[in-house]
Amino acid sequence: MKQMTEMNRTQWGCLFLALVGFAPLSRSQSDPYIATSQNFYCAGSEDNVSMYCNVLAFDPNTNVVDWTFAWSPAAEVSDPAAQSVTVTPTNTTVYSAVMTAPDGTVYEDDITITVYPEFSVQASDASACSTIGLNLSAEVDVSNAMDWMWEPAVGLSNATAQNPQLLEELTQVYTVTATISGLGGASCAASTEVQVTSIFPSLELGPDVVACSEETVVIDPGLPVNYTYEWTTAGEVMPVLEVTNSGTFGVTVTSPEGCENSDAITVTFTDGPILNLPDSATGCADAGLTLDATPSDLTTGPFGYQWSNGSNAPDATFYESTMAMVQVTDAGGCTSSESIWLEVLPSPSFAFPGDTALCFDDFPEVTYQLAVPAGFAGYQWMNGSTLNTFQVEGPGVYSVVVTNNIGCNTERYVTVVDFCSEPLLFVPSAFTPDGDGLNEVLRIEGRNLVQLDFELFSRWGNLVWRADSIGDYWHGQGPDRTHYVQDELYIWKAKYRHFTDPDGQLSPWLQATGSVRIIR
């Protein structure tokens, strides 16, 4: 008789017992088997499960129409004699198929389709005076383990928890979905909506207010008129409060459900910023006369400034005598204006050199001097000298303060840099490469040379050495460095460029020639 063994299998793989007549055959990996779209079914689903006998895995060249198929239980498949069938099981069922090849060989396979129960999700809407800390709750009417998902995740402590907690004050509709755990692909799931309502959202009267005197400030919580309002102002119970005096005003609001919340706001009425500017001021022209219009009471800021010289800063500097005016506006749009007569006295006026470059190395005997015209009341150089002249001995920053007879000062600075614009190229006329340690090499020396092309030729016009930077030197070797050249006279030619100013401006190419003799 035919022996059969039932074995568990996954969705895409199974073990088979193949038979030829009544003799059992061993099964290989390529034997025909049942393939399925999924190995589970959701009860109540309008979809179905597709299954088919995969005989091509056994023989890719076989003609499927020459095979016969027999499915069981036959009553539960769409066509018990077809290669492909669909099922809509009501209970977990083992389906089997007998597959007969064109040569009469019989193969058999089975597969279990697990049916999961139809279920629903139950969850209650939630209303609270404050939703912060409120727990949402959901459950299902079956015992299967579930995976949970709340959408959107806004305001939730954990969107994948069955009973998450709300962390925010909000009114929101959530969709909660339960899925039977462990299923992949298309899953058995159910969902429902949950309405969360914050009966009394946060009460915000807004930031403190600065307003101009004789204005009326309306404080409006922006809540429904059927709420109950209790203001800190005696006898005020209307939804909005009109105030005309400075003070702090609070309100306690109660909703029809009994939810209560409170807030307060400070209102300050002003006649404009309080300024502390003088009626007049005197100063010197060189430093200028600086006025500061910052109000003495900063609580009504931020402030806006408009000076008659165009400045929009708290302070402004004037360098000529004038009637200076300023208008200051506080946070409430209230303004104050002041006019100040400014007398700007003349500061000493004199010529003084701008930043310059001096060549100290080439002209050590030359004395450089900074001079201010005589006749002023006082002089003060940076080293304490009180003369009207100052000797410049090297690079640096030099400054002087000159005072006139009315006490006004003028300070001037000059930066002196050491720079010799004339280039210097030095090539010795002879050297002695004889090993005594003295004057052994021909070294190119110079100053302020940026680019150099130096060539040395024999008396026959052959190039024996080339240099391209200051400091290069020659031992007297030939071009191939295999021997020393003869003791004789050599001719050199040089092209070079130099800086013409401290800013790095380059000169045109210059040329020079000369000779050097080797003496041994």
Protein backbone atom coordinates (compact mmCIF):
# COMPACT_ATOMS: atom_id res chain seq x y z
CA MET A 1 0.00 0.00 0.00
CA LYS A 2 1.02 3.64 -0.50
CA GLN A 3 2.58 5.12 2.64
CA MET A 4 2.23 8.89 3.32
CA THR A 5 3.81 11.13 5.91
CA GLU A 6 2.39 14.56 6.87
CA MET A 7 5.03 17.20 7.45
CA ASN A 8 4.94 20.91 8.25
CA ARG A 9 6.24 23.25 5.54
CA THR A 10 6.76 26.99 4.94
CA GLN A 11 5.05 29.11 2.32
CA TRP A 12 7.60 28.42 -0.41
CA GLY A 13 9.03 25.04 0.49
CA CYS A 14 7.76 21.61 1.52
CA LEU A 15 8.70 17.96 1.63
CA PHE A 16 6.91 15.37 -0.50
CA LEU A 17 6.49 11.61 -0.64
CA ALA A 18 6.43 10.64 -4.33
CA LEU A 19 5.00 7.29 -5.41
CA VAL A 20 5.21 5.20 -8.62
CA GLY A 21 2.40 2.64 -8.53
CA PHE A 22 2.48 1.41 -4.93
CA ALA A 23 6.22 1.72 -4.42
CA PRO A 24 7.43 4.85 -2.54
CA LEU A 25 10.05 6.99 -4.33
CA SER A 26 12.65 9.31 -2.75
CA ARG A 27 11.98 13.00 -3.34
CA SER A 28 14.58 15.42 -4.71
CA GLN A 29 14.76 19.18 -4.44
CA SER A 30 13.31 19.56 -7.97
CA ASP A 31 10.20 17.38 -7.44
CA PRO A 32 6.85 19.07 -8.18
CA TYR A 33 5.37 20.97 -5.23
CA ILE A 34 2.48 23.24 -4.28
CA ALA A 35 3.24 26.98 -4.44
CA THR A 36 0.93 29.54 -2.83
CA SER A 37 0.41 33.29 -2.74
CA GLN A 38 0.26 33.12 1.07
CA ASN A 39 -0.06 30.44 3.68
CA PHE A 40 -2.71 32.24 5.73
CA TYR A 41 -6.18 33.61 5.17
CA CYS A 42 -8.02 36.42 6.94
CA ALA A 43 -11.58 35.37 7.79
CA GLY A 44 -14.13 37.73 6.32
CA SER A 45 -11.70 38.86 3.61
CA GLU A 46 -12.99 39.37 0.09
CA ASP A 47 -9.68 38.11 -1.30
CA ASN A 48 -8.74 34.46 -1.79
CA VAL A 49 -5.60 32.33 -1.65
CA SER A 50 -4.02 31.17 -4.92
CA MET A 51 -2.23 27.79 -5.16
CA TYR A 52 -0.70 25.93 -8.09
CA CYS A 53 1.25 22.74 -8.79
CA ASN A 54 4.77 23.76 -9.79
CA VAL A 55 5.78 20.88 -12.10
CA LEU A 56 8.26 22.95 -14.05
CA ALA A 57 10.60 22.82 -11.08
CA PHE A 58 10.77 19.07 -11.78
CA ASP A 59 11.19 19.31 -15.55
CA PRO A 60 11.47 22.78 -17.17
CA ASN A 61 10.86 21.18 -20.60
CA THR A 62 7.72 19.24 -19.68
CA ASN A 63 4.35 19.99 -21.30
CA VAL A 64 2.03 20.90 -18.41
CA VAL A 65 -1.08 19.95 -20.43
CA ASP A 66 0.10 16.34 -20.40
CA TRP A 67 -0.09 16.21 -16.59
CA THR A 68 -3.16 15.45 -14.47
CA PHE A 69 -3.95 17.02 -11.13
CA ALA A 70 -6.27 16.03 -8.31
CA TRP A 71 -6.83 18.43 -5.39
CA SER A 72 -8.45 17.65 -2.05
CA PRO A 73 -10.65 18.45 -0.29
CA ALA A 74 -12.13 18.81 -3.76
CA ALA A 75 -15.19 20.72 -2.58
CA GLU A 76 -13.12 23.63 -1.23
CA VAL A 77 -10.98 24.40 -4.29
CA SER A 78 -12.13 26.28 -7.36
CA ASP A 79 -11.34 23.39 -9.77
CA PRO A 80 -10.04 20.13 -8.26
CA ALA A 81 -8.58 18.99 -11.62
CA ALA A 82 -6.76 22.23 -12.51
CA GLN A 83 -3.10 23.02 -12.10
CA SER A 84 -3.96 26.37 -10.43
CA VAL A 85 -6.77 26.81 -7.91
CA THR A 86 -8.11 29.39 -5.48
CA VAL A 87 -9.58 28.81 -2.03
CA THR A 88 -11.48 30.83 0.55
CA PRO A 89 -11.25 28.60 3.63
CA THR A 90 -13.40 29.09 6.69
CA ASN A 91 -11.12 27.09 8.95
CA THR A 92 -7.47 26.13 8.96
CA THR A 93 -7.21 23.44 6.28
CA VAL A 94 -4.59 21.07 4.85
CA TYR A 95 -4.80 21.04 1.03
CA SER A 96 -3.14 18.27 -0.97
CA ALA A 97 -2.54 17.67 -4.66
CA VAL A 98 -1.73 14.46 -6.56
CA MET A 99 0.31 15.27 -9.69
CA THR A 100 0.65 12.56 -12.36
CA ALA A 101 3.40 13.00 -14.95
CA PRO A 102 3.02 12.06 -18.64
CA ASP A 103 5.02 8.86 -17.94
CA GLY A 104 2.62 7.84 -15.16
CA THR A 105 4.85 8.81 -12.24
CA VAL A 106 2.78 10.12 -9.33
CA TYR A 107 3.85 12.95 -7.02
CA GLU A 108 1.97 14.28 -4.03
CA ASP A 109 2.33 17.42 -1.87
CA ASP A 110 0.25 19.20 0.73
CA ILE A 111 0.16 22.64 2.35
CA THR A 112 -1.61 24.06 5.37
CA ILE A 113 -3.52 27.34 5.00
CA THR A 114 -4.01 28.89 8.44
CA VAL A 115 -7.24 30.84 8.86
CA TYR A 116 -7.11 33.76 11.28
CA PRO A 117 -10.35 34.95 12.81
CA GLU A 118 -12.21 38.05 11.77
CA PHE A 119 -11.94 40.69 14.50
CA SER A 120 -12.61 44.32 15.27
CA VAL A 121 -10.89 47.05 17.27
CA GLN A 122 -12.72 48.81 20.07
CA ALA A 123 -11.55 52.19 21.33
CA SER A 124 -13.36 55.04 23.03
CA ASP A 125 -13.23 58.72 22.23
CA ALA A 126 -11.60 60.81 24.92
CA SER A 127 -12.47 64.29 26.21
CA ALA A 128 -10.67 66.06 29.04
CA CYS A 129 -10.10 69.52 30.43
CA SER A 130 -6.42 68.89 29.61
CA THR A 131 -5.19 66.09 27.36
CA ILE A 132 -1.66 66.20 28.77
CA GLY A 133 -1.06 62.86 30.55
CA LEU A 134 -4.27 61.31 29.18
CA ASN A 135 -4.04 57.58 28.30
CA LEU A 136 -5.69 56.26 25.15
CA SER A 137 -7.05 52.72 25.18
CA ALA A 138 -7.78 50.14 22.46
CA GLU A 139 -8.57 46.40 22.46
CA VAL A 140 -9.66 43.57 20.12
CA ASP A 141 -12.33 40.89 20.48
CA VAL A 142 -9.99 37.93 19.84
CA SER A 143 -7.13 36.41 21.84
CA ASN A 144 -4.45 36.59 19.12
CA ALA A 145 -1.31 38.61 19.80
CA MET A 146 -1.45 41.99 18.03
CA ASP A 147 0.88 44.65 16.67
CA TRP A 148 -0.47 48.20 17.18
CA MET A 149 -0.11 51.45 15.25
CA TRP A 150 -1.61 54.88 16.03
CA GLU A 151 -1.67 57.48 13.26
CA PRO A 152 -0.69 60.26 13.21
CA ALA A 153 1.96 59.87 15.90
CA VAL A 154 1.69 63.54 16.96
CA GLY A 155 1.53 64.04 20.71
CA LEU A 156 1.85 60.33 21.60
CA SER A 157 4.39 58.78 23.95
CA ASN A 158 4.64 55.65 21.75
CA ALA A 159 2.70 55.28 18.50
CA THR A 160 3.22 51.47 18.51
CA ALA A 161 1.84 50.88 22.01
CA GLN A 162 -1.64 49.51 22.60
CA ASN A 163 -2.41 52.22 25.17
CA PRO A 164 -0.16 55.27 24.55
CA GLN A 165 -0.12 58.42 26.65
CA LEU A 166 -0.74 61.95 25.34
CA LEU A 167 2.12 64.38 25.93
CA GLU A 168 0.54 67.53 24.43
CA GLU A 169 -2.54 69.69 24.71
CA LEU A 170 -4.44 68.97 21.50
CA THR A 171 -7.64 68.05 19.71
CA GLN A 172 -6.96 65.26 17.23
CA VAL A 173 -8.54 62.33 15.35
CA TYR A 174 -6.38 59.19 15.53
CA THR A 175 -6.66 55.95 13.56
CA VAL A 176 -5.62 52.91 15.60
CA THR A 177 -4.82 49.71 13.68
CA ALA A 178 -4.32 46.20 15.15
CA THR A 179 -2.49 43.57 13.07
CA ILE A 180 -2.14 39.90 14.03
CA SER A 181 1.49 39.47 15.09
CA GLY A 182 3.94 37.44 13.04
CA LEU A 183 2.32 37.89 9.63
CA GLY A 184 4.26 39.25 6.66
CA GLY A 185 3.09 40.83 3.45
CA ALA A 186 -0.68 41.25 3.33
CA SER A 187 -1.81 41.01 6.96
CA CYS A 188 -4.99 40.44 8.90
CA ALA A 189 -5.79 43.83 10.39
CA ALA A 190 -8.64 45.97 11.67
CA SER A 191 -8.79 49.64 12.63
CA THR A 192 -11.02 52.31 14.09
CA GLU A 193 -10.92 56.05 14.71
CA VAL A 194 -10.56 57.76 18.07
CA GLN A 195 -11.56 61.40 18.63
CA VAL A 196 -9.47 63.17 21.27
CA THR A 197 -10.85 66.52 22.44
CA SER A 198 -9.16 69.07 24.66
CA ILE A 199 -12.18 70.81 26.16
CA PHE A 200 -10.15 73.78 27.37
CA PRO A 201 -6.98 74.50 25.37
CA SER A 202 -4.19 76.56 26.93
CA LEU A 203 -5.28 80.09 27.80
CA GLU A 204 -2.86 82.67 26.43
CA LEU A 205 -3.54 86.39 26.84
CA GLY A 206 -0.35 87.12 24.89
CA PRO A 207 2.75 89.18 25.71
CA ASP A 208 2.69 92.24 27.92
CA VAL A 209 1.44 95.40 26.22
CA VAL A 210 2.84 98.94 26.01
CA ALA A 211 0.30 101.55 24.89
CA CYS A 212 0.10 105.32 24.63
CA SER A 213 -1.81 107.31 27.21
CA GLU A 214 -5.52 107.92 26.45
CA GLU A 215 -5.64 104.73 24.32
CA THR A 216 -7.83 101.76 25.23
CA VAL A 217 -6.36 98.26 25.30
CA VAL A 218 -8.74 95.34 24.69
CA ILE A 219 -7.74 92.06 26.33
CA ASP A 220 -9.44 89.18 24.54
CA PRO A 221 -8.81 85.51 25.57
CA GLY A 222 -10.37 84.40 22.25
CA LEU A 223 -12.65 81.77 23.87
CA PRO A 224 -16.39 81.09 23.40
CA VAL A 225 -18.89 83.49 24.95
CA ASN A 226 -20.66 80.66 26.83
CA TYR A 227 -17.60 80.21 29.06
CA THR A 228 -17.57 81.94 32.47
CA TYR A 229 -15.05 84.77 32.92
CA GLU A 230 -13.78 86.16 36.21
CA TRP A 231 -11.33 89.05 35.86
CA THR A 232 -9.14 90.34 38.66
CA THR A 233 -10.71 93.74 38.04
CA ALA A 234 -13.62 93.91 40.43
CA GLY A 235 -17.01 93.20 38.86
CA GLU A 236 -15.68 92.38 35.37
CA VAL A 237 -17.21 89.14 33.99
CA MET A 238 -17.39 89.83 30.23
CA PRO A 239 -15.42 87.71 27.69
CA VAL A 240 -13.17 90.72 26.91
CA LEU A 241 -11.78 93.44 29.14
CA GLU A 242 -11.11 97.05 28.17
CA VAL A 243 -8.39 98.81 30.18
CA THR A 244 -7.21 102.43 30.22
CA ASN A 245 -4.83 102.36 33.20
CA SER A 246 -1.50 100.64 33.73
CA GLY A 247 -1.57 97.41 35.72
CA THR A 248 -1.57 93.62 35.68
CA PHE A 249 -4.86 92.03 34.66
CA GLY A 250 -5.67 88.37 35.22
CA VAL A 251 -8.64 86.20 34.29
CA THR A 252 -9.96 82.78 35.28
CA VAL A 253 -12.11 81.11 32.62
CA THR A 254 -14.42 78.13 33.22
CA SER A 255 -15.91 76.02 30.42
CA PRO A 256 -19.48 74.62 30.55
CA GLU A 257 -17.95 71.25 31.48
CA GLY A 258 -16.26 72.80 34.51
CA CYS A 259 -12.75 73.01 33.04
CA GLU A 260 -10.82 75.99 34.42
CA ASN A 261 -7.72 77.90 33.34
CA SER A 262 -6.04 81.23 34.16
CA ASP A 263 -3.58 83.73 32.73
CA ALA A 264 -2.49 87.33 33.33
CA ILE A 265 -1.03 90.21 31.30
CA THR A 266 0.63 93.51 32.19
CA VAL A 267 -0.42 96.70 30.40
CA THR A 268 1.76 99.83 30.63
CA PHE A 269 0.51 103.24 29.42
CA THR A 270 3.18 105.85 28.63
CA ASP A 271 3.48 109.41 27.37
CA GLY A 272 6.51 108.31 25.35
CA PRO A 273 10.07 107.33 26.31
CA ILE A 274 11.73 109.39 29.06
CA LEU A 275 14.86 111.04 27.61
CA ASN A 276 17.77 112.51 29.57
CA LEU A 277 19.44 114.71 26.94
CA PRO A 278 20.87 118.14 27.81
CA ASP A 279 19.53 121.36 26.32
CA SER A 280 22.93 122.09 24.78
CA ALA A 281 26.43 120.63 24.55
CA THR A 282 29.91 121.72 23.52
CA GLY A 283 32.68 119.61 22.03
CA CYS A 284 35.64 119.56 19.67
CA ALA A 285 35.43 118.86 15.95
CA ASP A 286 38.11 116.16 15.68
CA ALA A 287 36.50 113.77 18.18
CA GLY A 288 32.99 114.97 17.38
CA LEU A 289 30.14 115.47 19.83
CA THR A 290 28.31 112.22 20.68
CA LEU A 291 24.79 112.21 22.16
CA ASP A 292 23.02 109.16 23.65
CA ALA A 293 19.21 109.11 23.54
CA THR A 294 18.70 105.79 25.38
CA PRO A 295 15.62 106.28 27.63
CA SER A 296 16.05 106.11 31.39
CA ASP A 297 13.17 103.60 31.70
CA LEU A 298 13.90 100.55 29.56
CA THR A 299 10.73 98.62 30.47
CA THR A 300 8.74 100.10 27.56
CA GLY A 301 11.25 99.01 24.90
CA PRO A 302 12.38 98.02 22.39
CA PHE A 303 12.92 101.52 21.06
CA GLY A 304 13.33 103.07 17.64
CA TYR A 305 15.55 106.12 17.02
CA GLN A 306 15.59 108.79 14.31
CA TRP A 307 18.30 111.50 14.50
CA SER A 308 18.48 114.60 12.35
CA ASN A 309 21.79 113.40 10.88
CA GLY A 310 20.13 110.17 9.68
CA SER A 311 21.40 107.86 12.40
CA ASN A 312 19.03 105.14 13.65
CA ALA A 313 21.24 104.08 16.57
CA PRO A 314 20.70 105.08 20.22
CA ASP A 315 23.65 107.48 19.88
CA ALA A 316 24.77 109.88 17.15
CA THR A 317 27.98 111.89 16.57
CA PHE A 318 28.03 115.42 15.16
CA TYR A 319 31.10 117.24 13.81
CA GLU A 320 29.62 120.68 13.17
CA SER A 321 27.63 123.17 15.21
CA THR A 322 23.92 122.52 14.70
CA MET A 323 20.52 122.07 16.32
CA ALA A 324 20.42 118.29 16.71
CA MET A 325 17.04 116.59 16.93
CA VAL A 326 16.00 113.05 17.85
CA GLN A 327 12.69 111.19 17.99
CA VAL A 328 12.45 108.00 20.09
CA THR A 329 9.57 105.54 19.73
CA ASP A 330 8.73 102.85 22.33
CA ALA A 331 7.13 99.40 21.90
CA GLY A 332 3.64 100.92 21.92
CA GLY A 333 4.39 103.40 19.14
CA CYS A 334 4.49 106.31 21.60
CA THR A 335 7.11 108.95 20.76
CA SER A 336 9.23 111.58 22.51
CA SER A 337 11.34 114.23 20.78
CA GLU A 338 14.22 116.44 21.91
CA SER A 339 16.23 119.29 20.33
CA ILE A 340 19.78 120.03 21.51
CA TRP A 341 21.95 122.94 20.48
CA LEU A 342 25.47 121.70 19.73
CA GLU A 343 28.48 123.97 19.60
CA VAL A 344 31.36 122.17 17.92
CA LEU A 345 34.67 124.00 18.48
CA PRO A 346 37.47 123.81 15.92
CA SER A 347 40.24 121.29 16.53
CA PRO A 348 43.80 121.91 15.33
CA SER A 349 44.10 121.49 11.57
CA PHE A 350 47.47 120.61 10.07
CA ALA A 351 49.05 118.52 7.32
CA PHE A 352 50.36 115.11 8.35
CA PRO A 353 51.77 112.42 6.08
CA GLY A 354 49.82 109.28 5.30
CA ASP A 355 51.16 105.76 5.66
CA THR A 356 54.48 105.51 3.86
CA ALA A 357 57.49 103.29 3.06
CA LEU A 358 61.08 104.35 3.75
CA CYS A 359 64.35 102.69 2.74
CA PHE A 360 66.52 102.66 5.84
CA ASP A 361 69.21 100.23 4.61
CA ASP A 362 70.25 102.03 1.44
CA PHE A 363 70.47 105.46 3.04
CA PRO A 364 71.67 105.00 6.64
CA GLU A 365 73.02 108.55 6.75
CA VAL A 366 69.62 110.07 5.91
CA THR A 367 67.49 111.39 8.79
CA TYR A 368 63.73 111.01 8.40
CA GLN A 369 61.55 113.38 10.40
CA LEU A 370 57.82 113.87 11.10
CA ALA A 371 56.88 117.49 11.66
CA VAL A 372 53.77 119.37 12.81
CA PRO A 373 53.55 123.17 12.29
CA ALA A 374 54.76 125.21 15.25
CA GLY A 375 52.47 127.60 17.10
CA PHE A 376 49.96 125.23 18.70
CA ALA A 377 49.50 125.18 22.44
CA GLY A 378 50.79 121.65 22.96
CA TYR A 379 52.23 118.49 21.34
CA GLN A 380 52.30 114.94 22.66
CA TRP A 381 54.04 112.16 20.71
CA MET A 382 53.59 108.49 21.54
CA ASN A 383 56.92 108.35 23.43
CA GLY A 384 56.10 111.44 25.52
CA SER A 385 58.00 113.98 23.45
CA THR A 386 56.42 117.47 23.47
CA LEU A 387 58.29 118.90 20.47
CA ASN A 388 56.60 119.64 17.17
CA THR A 389 59.05 117.36 15.32
CA PHE A 390 59.89 113.67 15.72
CA GLN A 391 62.79 111.67 14.26
CA VAL A 392 61.83 108.39 12.54
CA GLU A 393 64.51 105.78 13.11
CA GLY A 394 62.77 102.65 11.82
CA PRO A 395 59.48 101.10 10.84
CA GLY A 396 56.50 101.39 13.21
CA VAL A 397 53.34 103.36 14.06
CA TYR A 398 53.88 107.00 15.01
CA SER A 399 51.21 109.19 16.60
CA VAL A 400 50.87 112.76 17.85
CA VAL A 401 48.20 114.69 19.73
CA VAL A 402 48.13 118.44 19.00
CA THR A 403 46.24 120.84 21.30
CA ASN A 404 45.11 124.36 20.36
CA ASN A 405 44.60 127.34 22.66
CA ILE A 406 40.92 126.51 23.33
CA GLY A 407 41.76 123.02 24.57
CA CYS A 408 40.66 120.98 21.54
CA ASN A 409 42.84 118.11 20.42
CA THR A 410 43.60 116.47 17.08
CA GLU A 411 45.28 113.07 17.02
CA ARG A 412 46.98 111.71 13.91
CA TYR A 413 48.68 108.39 13.11
CA VAL A 414 51.12 107.26 10.42
CA THR A 415 52.43 103.75 9.75
CA VAL A 416 55.99 103.54 8.40
CA VAL A 417 57.22 100.34 6.75
CA ASP A 418 60.78 99.51 5.76
CA PHE A 419 60.90 98.99 2.00
CA CYS A 420 63.65 99.64 -0.50
CA SER A 421 62.14 99.66 -3.96
CA GLU A 422 65.45 99.58 -5.86
CA PRO A 423 66.62 96.01 -6.50
CA LEU A 424 70.11 94.79 -5.70
CA LEU A 425 71.83 91.96 -7.61
CA PHE A 426 75.36 91.03 -6.47
CA VAL A 427 77.56 88.56 -8.38
CA PRO A 428 81.22 88.31 -7.25
CA SER A 429 83.89 88.87 -9.88
CA ALA A 430 85.93 85.84 -8.78
CA PHE A 431 85.95 82.82 -6.45
CA THR A 432 88.48 80.18 -5.47
CA PRO A 433 87.21 76.58 -5.38
CA ASP A 434 90.53 75.21 -4.11
CA GLY A 435 89.38 73.40 -0.95
CA ASP A 436 90.80 75.84 1.60
CA GLY A 437 87.32 76.67 2.92
CA LEU A 438 87.46 80.29 1.81
CA ASN A 439 85.47 81.73 -1.09
CA GLU A 440 84.73 78.20 -2.36
CA VAL A 441 81.54 78.91 -4.36
CA LEU A 442 79.96 81.43 -6.67
CA ARG A 443 76.84 82.55 -4.73
CA ILE A 444 74.13 84.82 -6.18
CA GLU A 445 73.20 87.53 -3.67
CA GLY A 446 70.61 90.29 -3.81
CA ARG A 447 67.62 92.09 -2.33
CA ASN A 448 64.06 92.71 -3.46
CA LEU A 449 64.37 90.27 -6.36
CA VAL A 450 61.19 88.28 -7.00
CA GLN A 451 61.94 86.43 -10.24
CA LEU A 452 65.45 85.58 -11.47
CA ASP A 453 66.91 83.87 -14.55
CA PHE A 454 70.73 83.68 -14.22
CA GLU A 455 72.92 81.97 -16.83
CA LEU A 456 76.71 81.44 -16.82
CA PHE A 457 78.61 80.79 -20.10
CA SER A 458 82.11 79.74 -21.01
CA ARG A 459 84.19 81.98 -23.26
CA TRP A 460 83.07 79.72 -26.13
CA GLY A 461 79.41 80.52 -25.41
CA ASN A 462 78.53 77.17 -23.82
CA LEU A 463 76.06 77.21 -20.91
CA VAL A 464 77.77 75.80 -17.83
CA TRP A 465 75.38 76.75 -14.98
CA ARG A 466 71.90 78.23 -14.43
CA ALA A 467 70.20 79.66 -11.28
CA ASP A 468 66.63 80.84 -10.65
CA SER A 469 66.66 82.19 -7.07
CA ILE A 470 68.75 84.33 -4.78
CA GLY A 471 71.14 82.20 -2.70
CA ASP A 472 71.84 79.61 -5.40
CA TYR A 473 75.53 78.72 -5.66
CA TRP A 474 78.00 76.97 -8.02
CA HIS A 475 81.02 74.84 -7.11
CA GLY A 476 82.69 75.24 -10.51
CA GLN A 477 81.49 71.91 -11.90
CA GLY A 478 80.62 71.31 -15.53
CA PRO A 479 77.01 70.94 -16.71
CA ASP A 480 77.10 67.13 -16.35
CA ARG A 481 78.84 67.37 -12.90
CA THR A 482 81.50 64.87 -13.97
CA HIS A 483 84.42 67.29 -13.84
CA TYR A 484 85.43 70.79 -12.79
CA VAL A 485 85.70 73.53 -15.38
CA GLN A 486 88.93 75.23 -16.27
CA ASP A 487 90.28 78.23 -14.45
CA GLU A 488 89.31 81.09 -16.70
CA LEU A 489 86.87 83.96 -17.18
CA TYR A 490 83.11 83.19 -17.49
CA ILE A 491 80.36 85.50 -18.71
CA TRP A 492 76.96 85.75 -16.98
CA LYS A 493 73.61 87.17 -18.03
CA ALA A 494 70.68 87.81 -15.69
CA LYS A 495 67.01 88.78 -16.08
CA TYR A 496 65.03 89.70 -12.97
CA ARG A 497 61.90 91.42 -11.63
CA HIS A 498 61.38 93.21 -8.31
CA PHE A 499 58.65 94.76 -6.19
CA THR A 500 58.11 98.44 -6.89
CA ASP A 501 56.01 99.11 -3.76
CA PRO A 502 55.04 97.40 -0.46
CA ASP A 503 51.74 96.26 -2.00
CA GLY A 504 53.53 93.81 -4.28
CA GLN A 505 53.42 95.60 -7.64
CA LEU A 506 55.96 93.93 -9.96
CA SER A 507 58.42 95.74 -12.21
CA PRO A 508 59.06 94.87 -15.89
CA TRP A 509 61.90 92.43 -16.61
CA LEU A 510 65.34 94.02 -16.12
CA GLN A 511 68.67 92.71 -17.48
CA ALA A 512 72.25 92.73 -16.24
CA THR A 513 75.56 91.18 -17.45
CA GLY A 514 78.99 90.62 -16.01
CA SER A 515 81.91 88.23 -15.66
CA VAL A 516 83.44 86.02 -13.00
CA ARG A 517 86.89 84.37 -12.89
CA ILE A 518 87.77 81.01 -11.33
CA ILE A 519 91.10 81.12 -9.49
CA ARG A 520 92.77 77.98 -8.09
